[in-house]
Amino acid sequence: MDGLKQSLVKLVREEYSLAGSVMANKAAQAVSTTNKQEENALAVDKIELKDLKSFEKRGLVTPIQEGHGNA
């Protein structure tokens, strides 16, 4: 009976260990995905700013002046 109990305890510990590592991997993947989304958003912002500056140079839009907006 002791051997069965020890085997059961070992099995439960291994399962908890496995579950912990799976959860850690999922958390790491979530952080990685979030970082990638932030990088993509920054890249889009840079492209949009570049396009805006290009339009300003062509006179297609009026440059925004800080502190002189319509409040």
C-alpha atoms as a PDB file:
ATOM      1  CA  MET A   1       0.000   0.000   0.000  1.00  0.00           C
ATOM      2  CA  ASP A   2       2.900   2.380   0.745  1.00  0.00           C
ATOM      3  CA  GLY A   3       4.285   1.859  -2.757  1.00  0.00           C
ATOM      4  CA  LEU A   4       0.922   2.827  -4.271  1.00  0.00           C
ATOM      5  CA  LYS A   5       0.731   5.952  -2.114  1.00  0.00           C
ATOM      6  CA  GLN A   6       4.269   6.978  -3.067  1.00  0.00           C
ATOM      7  CA  SER A   7       3.512   6.422  -6.755  1.00  0.00           C
ATOM      8  CA  LEU A   8       0.379   8.510  -6.473  1.00  0.00           C
ATOM      9  CA  VAL A   9       2.223  11.351  -4.714  1.00  0.00           C
ATOM     10  CA  LYS A  10       4.958  11.235  -7.381  1.00  0.00           C
ATOM     11  CA  LEU A  11       2.378  11.318 -10.172  1.00  0.00           C
ATOM     12  CA  VAL A  12       0.549  14.283  -8.637  1.00  0.00           C
ATOM     13  CA  ARG A  13       3.813  16.219  -8.177  1.00  0.00           C
ATOM     14  CA  GLU A  14       4.811  15.558 -11.789  1.00  0.00           C
ATOM     15  CA  GLU A  15       1.418  16.732 -13.023  1.00  0.00           C
ATOM     16  CA  TYR A  16       1.635  19.945 -10.986  1.00  0.00           C
ATOM     17  CA  SER A  17       5.136  20.518 -12.284  1.00  0.00           C
ATOM     18  CA  LEU A  18       4.016  19.979 -15.876  1.00  0.00           C
ATOM     19  CA  ALA A  19       0.994  22.243 -15.438  1.00  0.00           C
ATOM     20  CA  GLY A  20       3.202  24.958 -13.969  1.00  0.00           C
ATOM     21  CA  SER A  21       5.594  24.884 -16.905  1.00  0.00           C
ATOM     22  CA  VAL A  22       2.708  24.944 -19.396  1.00  0.00           C
ATOM     23  CA  MET A  23       1.232  28.011 -17.673  1.00  0.00           C
ATOM     24  CA  ALA A  24       4.644  29.707 -17.619  1.00  0.00           C
ATOM     25  CA  ASN A  25       5.017  29.095 -21.361  1.00  0.00           C
ATOM     26  CA  LYS A  26       1.555  30.499 -22.042  1.00  0.00           C
ATOM     27  CA  ALA A  27       2.359  33.609 -19.998  1.00  0.00           C
ATOM     28  CA  ALA A  28       5.624  34.097 -21.896  1.00  0.00           C
ATOM     29  CA  GLN A  29       3.803  33.742 -25.218  1.00  0.00           C
ATOM     30  CA  ALA A  30       1.220  36.314 -24.127  1.00  0.00           C
ATOM     31  CA  VAL A  31       3.969  38.804 -23.251  1.00  0.00           C
ATOM     32  CA  SER A  32       5.703  38.122 -26.554  1.00  0.00           C
ATOM     33  CA  THR A  33       2.460  38.698 -28.463  1.00  0.00           C
ATOM     34  CA  THR A  34       1.812  41.942 -26.597  1.00  0.00           C
ATOM     35  CA  ASN A  35       5.342  43.178 -27.336  1.00  0.00           C
ATOM     36  CA  LYS A  36       4.919  42.322 -31.025  1.00  0.00           C
ATOM     37  CA  GLN A  37       1.593  44.189 -31.148  1.00  0.00           C
ATOM     38  CA  GLU A  38       3.252  47.247 -29.577  1.00  0.00           C
ATOM     39  CA  GLU A  39       6.089  47.076 -32.103  1.00  0.00           C
ATOM     40  CA  ASN A  40       3.568  46.881 -34.948  1.00  0.00           C
ATOM     41  CA  ALA A  41       1.613  49.842 -33.569  1.00  0.00           C
ATOM     42  CA  LEU A  42       4.807  51.909 -33.330  1.00  0.00           C
ATOM     43  CA  ALA A  43       5.723  50.988 -36.906  1.00  0.00           C
ATOM     44  CA  VAL A  44       2.277  52.080 -38.106  1.00  0.00           C
ATOM     45  CA  ASP A  45       2.597  55.360 -36.176  1.00  0.00           C
ATOM     46  CA  LYS A  46       5.964  56.032 -37.827  1.00  0.00           C
ATOM     47  CA  ILE A  47       4.511  55.339 -41.281  1.00  0.00           C
ATOM     48  CA  GLU A  48       1.512  57.594 -40.606  1.00  0.00           C
ATOM     49  CA  LEU A  49       3.774  60.396 -39.340  1.00  0.00           C
ATOM     50  CA  LYS A  50       5.980  60.010 -42.408  1.00  0.00           C
ATOM     51  CA  ASP A  51       2.894  60.191 -44.673  1.00  0.00           C
ATOM     52  CA  LEU A  52       1.596  63.255 -42.812  1.00  0.00           C
ATOM     53  CA  LYS A  53       4.925  65.047 -43.231  1.00  0.00           C
ATOM     54  CA  SER A  54       4.888  64.144 -46.918  1.00  0.00           C
ATOM     55  CA  PHE A  55       1.372  65.584 -47.302  1.00  0.00           C
ATOM     56  CA  GLU A  56       2.441  68.731 -45.428  1.00  0.00           C
ATOM     57  CA  LYS A  57       5.381  69.192 -47.814  1.00  0.00           C
ATOM     58  CA  ARG A  58       3.015  68.941 -50.784  1.00  0.00           C
ATOM     59  CA  GLY A  59       0.624  71.415 -49.207  1.00  0.00           C
ATOM     60  CA  LEU A  60      -2.175  68.876 -49.099  1.00  0.00           C
ATOM     61  CA  VAL A  61      -2.733  69.373 -45.348  1.00  0.00           C
ATOM     62  CA  THR A  62      -2.083  72.234 -42.982  1.00  0.00           C
ATOM     63  CA  PRO A  63       0.582  71.512 -40.362  1.00  0.00           C
ATOM     64  CA  ILE A  64      -0.719  71.224 -36.811  1.00  0.00           C
ATOM     65  CA  GLN A  65       0.796  73.844 -34.531  1.00  0.00           C
ATOM     66  CA  GLU A  66       0.943  72.991 -30.856  1.00  0.00           C
ATOM     67  CA  GLY A  67      -0.697  75.525 -28.573  1.00  0.00           C
ATOM     68  CA  HIS A  68      -2.588  77.185 -31.422  1.00  0.00           C
ATOM     69  CA  GLY A  69      -5.447  74.735 -31.767  1.00  0.00           C
ATOM     70  CA  ASN A  70      -9.137  75.530 -31.599  1.00  0.00           C
ATOM     71  CA  ALA A  71     -10.074  75.074 -27.963  1.00  0.00           C
END
